[in-house]
């Protein structure tokens, strides 16, 4: 029964591929473009996720050591000095 079922599925798939060959070709080309785009951007996204995870781990470590960190405001940072204008 399994062999007959696989043979039937194979025939149906062959019929679908022959009937929609142009659509299938366009779909494969679009899929290839999508995979190329994904592979181009996947590494930077992975690096950002890794950095975010490390920052979150550090933040949770600080909270475990001192839960009051959430309630107290840190000391404000001094304002940046204005940039000097270039000589003319």
PDB file of N, CA and C in Angstrom:
ATOM      1  N   UNK A   1       0.822  -1.193   0.000  1.00  0.00           N
ATOM      2  CA  UNK A   1       0.000   0.000   0.000  1.00  0.00           C
ATOM      3  C   UNK A   1       0.866   1.256   0.000  1.00  0.00           C
ATOM      4  N   UNK A   2       1.969   1.208   0.766  1.00  0.00           N
ATOM      5  CA  UNK A   2       2.853   2.373   0.828  1.00  0.00           C
ATOM      6  C   UNK A   2       3.463   2.667  -0.531  1.00  0.00           C
ATOM      7  N   UNK A   3       3.919   1.617  -1.207  1.00  0.00           N
ATOM      8  CA  UNK A   3       4.528   1.803  -2.529  1.00  0.00           C
ATOM      9  C   UNK A   3       3.514   2.368  -3.511  1.00  0.00           C
ATOM     10  N   UNK A   4       2.280   1.873  -3.457  1.00  0.00           N
ATOM     11  CA  UNK A   4       1.233   2.371  -4.358  1.00  0.00           C
ATOM     12  C   UNK A   4       0.915   3.832  -4.044  1.00  0.00           C
ATOM     13  N   UNK A   5       0.901   4.179  -2.766  1.00  0.00           N
ATOM     14  CA  UNK A   5       0.626   5.551  -2.361  1.00  0.00           C
ATOM     15  C   UNK A   5       1.733   6.484  -2.829  1.00  0.00           C
ATOM     16  N   UNK A   6       2.981   6.055  -2.670  1.00  0.00           N
ATOM     17  CA  UNK A   6       4.114   6.869  -3.131  1.00  0.00           C
ATOM     18  C   UNK A   6       4.099   7.029  -4.646  1.00  0.00           C
ATOM     19  N   UNK A   7       3.749   5.966  -5.352  1.00  0.00           N
ATOM     20  CA  UNK A   7       3.688   6.040  -6.813  1.00  0.00           C
ATOM     21  C   UNK A   7       2.604   7.018  -7.248  1.00  0.00           C
ATOM     22  N   UNK A   8       1.467   6.975  -6.586  1.00  0.00           N
ATOM     23  CA  UNK A   8       0.366   7.878  -6.908  1.00  0.00           C
ATOM     24  C   UNK A   8       0.774   9.326  -6.617  1.00  0.00           C
ATOM     25  N   UNK A   9       1.405   9.565  -5.483  1.00  0.00           N
ATOM     26  CA  UNK A   9       1.854  10.908  -5.129  1.00  0.00           C
ATOM     27  C   UNK A   9       2.888  11.404  -6.124  1.00  0.00           C
ATOM     28  N   UNK A  10       3.759  10.518  -6.561  1.00  0.00           N
ATOM     29  CA  UNK A  10       4.788  10.884  -7.529  1.00  0.00           C
ATOM     30  C   UNK A  10       4.152  11.287  -8.857  1.00  0.00           C
ATOM     31  N   UNK A  11       3.146  10.540  -9.298  1.00  0.00           N
ATOM     32  CA  UNK A  11       2.456  10.883 -10.548  1.00  0.00           C
ATOM     33  C   UNK A  11       1.748  12.232 -10.424  1.00  0.00           C
ATOM     34  N   UNK A  12       1.089  12.467  -9.297  1.00  0.00           N
ATOM     35  CA  UNK A  12       0.390  13.734  -9.088  1.00  0.00           C
ATOM     36  C   UNK A  12       1.373  14.904  -9.072  1.00  0.00           C
ATOM     37  N   UNK A  13       2.499  14.700  -8.413  1.00  0.00           N
ATOM     38  CA  UNK A  13       3.523  15.749  -8.362  1.00  0.00           C
ATOM     39  C   UNK A  13       4.075  16.027  -9.751  1.00  0.00           C
ATOM     40  N   UNK A  14       4.307  14.981 -10.523  1.00  0.00           N
ATOM     41  CA  UNK A  14       4.818  15.138 -11.885  1.00  0.00           C
ATOM     42  C   UNK A  14       3.818  15.923 -12.733  1.00  0.00           C
ATOM     43  N   UNK A  15       2.533  15.636 -12.577  1.00  0.00           N
ATOM     44  CA  UNK A  15       1.490  16.353 -13.314  1.00  0.00           C
ATOM     45  C   UNK A  15       1.464  17.828 -12.923  1.00  0.00           C
ATOM     46  N   UNK A  16       1.564  18.109 -11.625  1.00  0.00           N
ATOM     47  CA  UNK A  16       1.570  19.495 -11.160  1.00  0.00           C
ATOM     48  C   UNK A  16       2.768  20.265 -11.694  1.00  0.00           C
ATOM     49  N   UNK A  17       3.937  19.634 -11.692  1.00  0.00           N
ATOM     50  CA  UNK A  17       5.154  20.300 -12.178  1.00  0.00           C
ATOM     51  C   UNK A  17       5.035  20.606 -13.662  1.00  0.00           C
ATOM     52  N   UNK A  18       4.507  19.655 -14.440  1.00  0.00           N
ATOM     53  CA  UNK A  18       4.362  19.889 -15.880  1.00  0.00           C
ATOM     54  C   UNK A  18       3.331  20.967 -16.166  1.00  0.00           C
ATOM     55  N   UNK A  19       2.260  20.996 -15.391  1.00  0.00           N
ATOM     56  CA  UNK A  19       1.188  21.971 -15.621  1.00  0.00           C
ATOM     57  C   UNK A  19       1.622  23.387 -15.230  1.00  0.00           C
ATOM     58  N   UNK A  20       2.414  23.516 -14.224  1.00  0.00           N
ATOM     59  CA  UNK A  20       2.790  24.845 -13.746  1.00  0.00           C
ATOM     60  C   UNK A  20       4.260  25.117 -13.882  1.00  0.00           C
ATOM     61  N   UNK A  21       4.870  24.669 -14.935  1.00  0.00           N
ATOM     62  CA  UNK A  21       6.322  24.793 -15.067  1.00  0.00           C
ATOM     63  C   UNK A  21       6.785  26.248 -15.049  1.00  0.00           C
ATOM     64  N   UNK A  22       6.058  27.143 -15.741  1.00  0.00           N
ATOM     65  CA  UNK A  22       6.473  28.547 -15.744  1.00  0.00           C
ATOM     66  C   UNK A  22       6.340  29.162 -14.355  1.00  0.00           C
ATOM     67  N   UNK A  23       5.208  28.893 -13.698  1.00  0.00           N
ATOM     68  CA  UNK A  23       5.002  29.417 -12.350  1.00  0.00           C
ATOM     69  C   UNK A  23       6.018  28.837 -11.380  1.00  0.00           C
ATOM     70  N   UNK A  24       6.304  27.571 -11.558  1.00  0.00           N
ATOM     71  CA  UNK A  24       7.277  26.920 -10.685  1.00  0.00           C
ATOM     72  C   UNK A  24       8.657  27.528 -10.874  1.00  0.00           C
ATOM     73  N   UNK A  25       9.028  27.810 -12.100  1.00  0.00           N
ATOM     74  CA  UNK A  25      10.328  28.411 -12.387  1.00  0.00           C
ATOM     75  C   UNK A  25      10.432  29.801 -11.770  1.00  0.00           C
ATOM     76  N   UNK A  26       9.379  30.602 -11.900  1.00  0.00           N
ATOM     77  CA  UNK A  26       9.364  31.942 -11.310  1.00  0.00           C
ATOM     78  C   UNK A  26       9.451  31.833  -9.789  1.00  0.00           C
ATOM     79  N   UNK A  27       8.695  30.901  -9.226  1.00  0.00           N
ATOM     80  CA  UNK A  27       8.725  30.699  -7.778  1.00  0.00           C
ATOM     81  C   UNK A  27      10.104  30.311  -7.281  1.00  0.00           C
ATOM     82  N   UNK A  28      10.785  29.454  -8.005  1.00  0.00           N
ATOM     83  CA  UNK A  28      12.142  29.034  -7.617  1.00  0.00           C
ATOM     84  C   UNK A  28      13.120  30.205  -7.714  1.00  0.00           C
ATOM     85  N   UNK A  29      12.964  31.037  -8.740  1.00  0.00           N
ATOM     86  CA  UNK A  29      13.843  32.203  -8.864  1.00  0.00           C
ATOM     87  C   UNK A  29      13.616  33.176  -7.712  1.00  0.00           C
ATOM     88  N   UNK A  30      12.351  33.396  -7.352  1.00  0.00           N
ATOM     89  CA  UNK A  30      12.061  34.287  -6.230  1.00  0.00           C
ATOM     90  C   UNK A  30      12.574  33.704  -4.921  1.00  0.00           C
ATOM     91  N   UNK A  31      12.449  32.377  -4.767  1.00  0.00           N
ATOM     92  CA  UNK A  31      12.956  31.710  -3.566  1.00  0.00           C
ATOM     93  C   UNK A  31      14.472  31.854  -3.473  1.00  0.00           C
ATOM     94  N   UNK A  32      15.156  31.740  -4.598  1.00  0.00           N
ATOM     95  CA  UNK A  32      16.615  31.889  -4.615  1.00  0.00           C
ATOM     96  C   UNK A  32      17.010  33.307  -4.189  1.00  0.00           C
ATOM     97  N   UNK A  33      16.299  34.308  -4.731  1.00  0.00           N
ATOM     98  CA  UNK A  33      16.570  35.701  -4.358  1.00  0.00           C
ATOM     99  C   UNK A  33      16.338  35.900  -2.862  1.00  0.00           C
ATOM    100  N   UNK A  34      15.252  35.332  -2.353  1.00  0.00           N
ATOM    101  CA  UNK A  34      14.939  35.445  -0.933  1.00  0.00           C
ATOM    102  C   UNK A  34      16.037  34.821  -0.077  1.00  0.00           C
ATOM    103  N   UNK A  35      16.518  33.654  -0.454  1.00  0.00           N
ATOM    104  CA  UNK A  35      17.569  32.981   0.320  1.00  0.00           C
ATOM    105  C   UNK A  35      18.890  33.753   0.260  1.00  0.00           C
ATOM    106  N   UNK A  36      19.206  34.343  -0.893  1.00  0.00           N
ATOM    107  CA  UNK A  36      20.423  35.158  -1.002  1.00  0.00           C
ATOM    108  C   UNK A  36      20.329  36.378  -0.083  1.00  0.00           C
ATOM    109  N   UNK A  37      19.163  37.019  -0.072  1.00  0.00           N
ATOM    110  CA  UNK A  37      18.956  38.185   0.785  1.00  0.00           C
ATOM    111  C   UNK A  37      19.051  37.785   2.249  1.00  0.00           C
ATOM    112  N   UNK A  38      18.401  36.692   2.593  1.00  0.00           N
ATOM    113  CA  UNK A  38      18.432  36.219   3.972  1.00  0.00           C
ATOM    114  C   UNK A  38      19.853  35.893   4.414  1.00  0.00           C
ATOM    115  N   UNK A  39      20.620  35.224   3.576  1.00  0.00           N
ATOM    116  CA  UNK A  39      21.985  34.859   3.961  1.00  0.00           C
ATOM    117  C   UNK A  39      22.872  36.096   4.103  1.00  0.00           C
ATOM    118  N   UNK A  40      22.581  37.136   3.330  1.00  0.00           N
ATOM    119  CA  UNK A  40      23.362  38.365   3.412  1.00  0.00           C
ATOM    120  C   UNK A  40      23.149  39.070   4.759  1.00  0.00           C
ATOM    121  N   UNK A  41      21.922  39.027   5.266  1.00  0.00           N
ATOM    122  CA  UNK A  41      21.601  39.760   6.486  1.00  0.00           C
ATOM    123  C   UNK A  41      21.563  38.905   7.742  1.00  0.00           C
ATOM    124  N   UNK A  42      21.676  37.609   7.614  1.00  0.00           N
ATOM    125  CA  UNK A  42      21.540  36.745   8.782  1.00  0.00           C
ATOM    126  C   UNK A  42      22.709  36.882   9.761  1.00  0.00           C
ATOM    127  N   UNK A  43      23.913  37.059   9.280  1.00  0.00           N
ATOM    128  CA  UNK A  43      25.063  37.169  10.177  1.00  0.00           C
ATOM    129  C   UNK A  43      25.010  38.434  11.040  1.00  0.00           C
ATOM    130  N   UNK A  44      24.764  39.630  10.455  1.00  0.00           N
ATOM    131  CA  UNK A  44      24.664  40.816  11.317  1.00  0.00           C
ATOM    132  C   UNK A  44      23.519  40.715  12.330  1.00  0.00           C
ATOM    133  N   UNK A  45      22.402  40.119  11.924  1.00  0.00           N
ATOM    134  CA  UNK A  45      21.281  39.956  12.854  1.00  0.00           C
ATOM    135  C   UNK A  45      21.690  39.031  13.985  1.00  0.00           C
ATOM    136  N   UNK A  46      22.378  37.955  13.656  1.00  0.00           N
ATOM    137  CA  UNK A  46      22.855  37.027  14.678  1.00  0.00           C
ATOM    138  C   UNK A  46      23.823  37.691  15.639  1.00  0.00           C
ATOM    139  N   UNK A  47      24.705  38.528  15.121  1.00  0.00           N
ATOM    140  CA  UNK A  47      25.650  39.239  15.979  1.00  0.00           C
ATOM    141  C   UNK A  47      24.921  40.210  16.905  1.00  0.00           C
ATOM    142  N   UNK A  48      23.904  40.890  16.382  1.00  0.00           N
ATOM    143  CA  UNK A  48      23.130  41.813  17.217  1.00  0.00           C
ATOM    144  C   UNK A  48      22.385  41.061  18.320  1.00  0.00           C
ATOM    145  N   UNK A  49      21.828  39.913  17.974  1.00  0.00           N
ATOM    146  CA  UNK A  49      21.130  39.114  18.977  1.00  0.00           C
ATOM    147  C   UNK A  49      22.097  38.628  20.055  1.00  0.00           C
ATOM    148  N   UNK A  50      23.293  38.240  19.649  1.00  0.00           N
ATOM    149  CA  UNK A  50      24.299  37.786  20.611  1.00  0.00           C
ATOM    150  C   UNK A  50      24.688  38.914  21.554  1.00  0.00           C
ATOM    151  N   UNK A  51      24.900  40.100  21.004  1.00  0.00           N
ATOM    152  CA  UNK A  51      25.258  41.263  21.817  1.00  0.00           C
ATOM    153  C   UNK A  51      24.121  41.620  22.776  1.00  0.00           C
ATOM    154  N   UNK A  52      22.893  41.573  22.291  1.00  0.00           N
ATOM    155  CA  UNK A  52      21.737  41.872  23.129  1.00  0.00           C
ATOM    156  C   UNK A  52      21.630  40.869  24.271  1.00  0.00           C
ATOM    157  N   UNK A  53      21.857  39.607  23.974  1.00  0.00           N
ATOM    158  CA  UNK A  53      21.791  38.576  25.016  1.00  0.00           C
ATOM    159  C   UNK A  53      22.858  38.818  26.086  1.00  0.00           C
ATOM    160  N   UNK A  54      24.074  39.191  25.658  1.00  0.00           N
ATOM    161  CA  UNK A  54      25.131  39.471  26.639  1.00  0.00           C
ATOM    162  C   UNK A  54      24.777  40.680  27.499  1.00  0.00           C
ATOM    163  N   UNK A  55      24.227  41.734  26.879  1.00  0.00           N
ATOM    164  CA  UNK A  55      23.824  42.916  27.641  1.00  0.00           C
ATOM    165  C   UNK A  55      22.721  42.574  28.638  1.00  0.00           C
ATOM    166  N   UNK A  56      21.779  41.759  28.222  1.00  0.00           N
ATOM    167  CA  UNK A  56      20.692  41.368  29.111  1.00  0.00           C
ATOM    168  C   UNK A  56      21.218  40.529  30.274  1.00  0.00           C
ATOM    169  N   UNK A  57      22.168  39.638  30.002  1.00  0.00           N
ATOM    170  CA  UNK A  57      22.765  38.841  31.077  1.00  0.00           C
ATOM    171  C   UNK A  57      23.472  39.737  32.085  1.00  0.00           C
ATOM    172  N   UNK A  58      24.195  40.739  31.605  1.00  0.00           N
ATOM    173  CA  UNK A  58      24.885  41.668  32.498  1.00  0.00           C
ATOM    174  C   UNK A  58      23.882  42.460  33.324  1.00  0.00           C
ATOM    175  N   UNK A  59      22.815  42.927  32.691  1.00  0.00           N
ATOM    176  CA  UNK A  59      21.784  43.675  33.395  1.00  0.00           C
ATOM    177  C   UNK A  59      21.122  42.813  34.472  1.00  0.00           C
ATOM    178  N   UNK A  60      20.790  41.567  34.147  1.00  0.00           N
ATOM    179  CA  UNK A  60      20.155  40.699  35.146  1.00  0.00           C
ATOM    180  C   UNK A  60      21.126  40.371  36.280  1.00  0.00           C
ATOM    181  N   UNK A  61      22.423  40.269  35.979  1.00  0.00           N
ATOM    182  CA  UNK A  61      23.412  40.042  37.036  1.00  0.00           C
ATOM    183  C   UNK A  61      23.439  41.230  37.993  1.00  0.00           C
ATOM    184  N   UNK A  62      23.413  42.450  37.436  1.00  0.00           N
ATOM    185  CA  UNK A  62      23.401  43.650  38.270  1.00  0.00           C
ATOM    186  C   UNK A  62      22.138  43.706  39.128  1.00  0.00           C
ATOM    187  N   UNK A  63      21.015  43.304  38.569  1.00  0.00           N
ATOM    188  CA  UNK A  63      19.770  43.298  39.346  1.00  0.00           C
ATOM    189  C   UNK A  63      19.813  42.280  40.485  1.00  0.00           C
ATOM    190  N   UNK A  64      20.396  41.131  40.223  1.00  0.00           N
ATOM    191  CA  UNK A  64      20.515  40.120  41.294  1.00  0.00           C
ATOM    192  C   UNK A  64      21.400  40.641  42.426  1.00  0.00           C
ATOM    193  N   UNK A  65      22.457  41.353  42.083  1.00  0.00           N
ATOM    194  CA  UNK A  65      23.362  41.886  43.098  1.00  0.00           C
ATOM    195  C   UNK A  65      22.729  43.044  43.864  1.00  0.00           C
ATOM    196  N   UNK A  66      21.967  43.878  43.157  1.00  0.00           N
ATOM    197  CA  UNK A  66      21.388  45.057  43.799  1.00  0.00           C
ATOM    198  C   UNK A  66      20.053  45.403  43.122  1.00  0.00           C
ATOM    199  N   UNK A  67      18.930  44.864  43.624  1.00  0.00           N
ATOM    200  CA  UNK A  67      17.631  45.133  42.996  1.00  0.00           C
ATOM    201  C   UNK A  67      17.241  46.610  43.024  1.00  0.00           C
ATOM    202  N   UNK A  68      17.840  47.403  43.908  1.00  0.00           N
ATOM    203  CA  UNK A  68      17.522  48.820  43.995  1.00  0.00           C
ATOM    204  C   UNK A  68      17.963  49.611  42.779  1.00  0.00           C
ATOM    205  N   UNK A  69      18.724  48.996  41.899  1.00  0.00           N
ATOM    206  CA  UNK A  69      19.195  49.674  40.684  1.00  0.00           C
ATOM    207  C   UNK A  69      18.003  50.179  39.869  1.00  0.00           C
ATOM    208  N   UNK A  70      16.884  49.447  39.912  1.00  0.00           N
ATOM    209  CA  UNK A  70      15.711  49.863  39.149  1.00  0.00           C
ATOM    210  C   UNK A  70      15.041  51.099  39.746  1.00  0.00           C
ATOM    211  N   UNK A  71      15.168  51.278  41.063  1.00  0.00           N
ATOM    212  CA  UNK A  71      14.473  52.374  41.735  1.00  0.00           C
ATOM    213  C   UNK A  71      15.288  53.653  41.801  1.00  0.00           C
ATOM    214  N   UNK A  72      16.587  53.521  41.819  1.00  0.00           N
ATOM    215  CA  UNK A  72      17.466  54.697  41.918  1.00  0.00           C
ATOM    216  C   UNK A  72      17.887  55.148  40.540  1.00  0.00           C
ATOM    217  N   UNK A  73      17.914  56.433  40.379  1.00  0.00           N
ATOM    218  CA  UNK A  73      18.446  56.969  39.124  1.00  0.00           C
ATOM    219  C   UNK A  73      19.952  57.108  39.292  1.00  0.00           C
ATOM    220  N   UNK A  74      20.665  56.791  38.273  1.00  0.00           N
ATOM    221  CA  UNK A  74      22.114  56.961  38.318  1.00  0.00           C
ATOM    222  C   UNK A  74      22.465  58.434  38.242  1.00  0.00           C
ATOM    223  N   UNK A  75      23.703  58.725  38.467  1.00  0.00           N
ATOM    224  CA  UNK A  75      24.150  60.106  38.370  1.00  0.00           C
ATOM    225  C   UNK A  75      24.087  60.533  36.911  1.00  0.00           C
ATOM    226  N   UNK A  76      23.552  61.731  36.654  1.00  0.00           N
ATOM    227  CA  UNK A  76      23.476  62.165  35.252  1.00  0.00           C
ATOM    228  C   UNK A  76      24.867  62.380  34.680  1.00  0.00           C
ATOM    229  N   UNK A  77      24.984  62.068  33.410  1.00  0.00           N
ATOM    230  CA  UNK A  77      26.262  62.269  32.735  1.00  0.00           C
ATOM    231  C   UNK A  77      26.408  63.746  32.403  1.00  0.00           C
ATOM    232  N   UNK A  78      27.629  64.274  32.487  1.00  0.00           N
ATOM    233  CA  UNK A  78      27.817  65.689  32.136  1.00  0.00           C
ATOM    234  C   UNK A  78      27.533  65.915  30.661  1.00  0.00           C
ATOM    235  N   UNK A  79      26.995  67.088  30.326  1.00  0.00           N
ATOM    236  CA  UNK A  79      26.712  67.345  28.890  1.00  0.00           C
ATOM    237  C   UNK A  79      27.999  67.398  28.096  1.00  0.00           C
ATOM    238  N   UNK A  80      27.895  67.060  26.855  1.00  0.00           N
ATOM    239  CA  UNK A  80      29.046  67.105  25.960  1.00  0.00           C
ATOM    240  C   UNK A  80      29.385  68.545  25.639  1.00  0.00           C
ATOM    241  N   UNK A  81      30.676  68.838  25.575  1.00  0.00           N
ATOM    242  CA  UNK A  81      31.113  70.198  25.218  1.00  0.00           C
ATOM    243  C   UNK A  81      30.822  70.420  23.740  1.00  0.00           C
ATOM    244  N   UNK A  82      30.403  71.631  23.372  1.00  0.00           N
ATOM    245  CA  UNK A  82      30.155  71.895  21.954  1.00  0.00           C
ATOM    246  C   UNK A  82      31.453  71.767  21.157  1.00  0.00           C
ATOM    247  N   UNK A  83      31.298  71.285  19.957  1.00  0.00           N
ATOM    248  CA  UNK A  83      32.463  71.125  19.088  1.00  0.00           C
ATOM    249  C   UNK A  83      32.972  72.488  18.654  1.00  0.00           C
ATOM    250  N   UNK A  84      34.290  72.630  18.622  1.00  0.00           N
ATOM    251  CA  UNK A  84      34.904  73.896  18.206  1.00  0.00           C
ATOM    252  C   UNK A  84      34.691  74.071  16.703  1.00  0.00           C
ATOM    253  N   UNK A  85      34.424  75.303  16.304  1.00  0.00           N
ATOM    254  CA  UNK A  85      34.251  75.568  14.884  1.00  0.00           C
ATOM    255  C   UNK A  85      35.622  75.615  14.222  1.00  0.00           C
ATOM    256  N   UNK A  86      35.715  75.099  13.014  1.00  0.00           N
ATOM    257  CA  UNK A  86      37.014  75.115  12.317  1.00  0.00           C
ATOM    258  C   UNK A  86      37.437  76.543  11.973  1.00  0.00           C
ATOM    259  N   UNK A  87      38.750  76.759  11.994  1.00  0.00           N
ATOM    260  CA  UNK A  87      39.310  78.084  11.657  1.00  0.00           C
ATOM    261  C   UNK A  87      39.080  78.371  10.181  1.00  0.00           C
ATOM    262  N   UNK A  88      38.813  79.643   9.874  1.00  0.00           N
ATOM    263  CA  UNK A  88      38.565  80.015   8.476  1.00  0.00           C
ATOM    264  C   UNK A  88      39.722  80.744   7.890  1.00  0.00           C
TER     265      UNK A  88
END
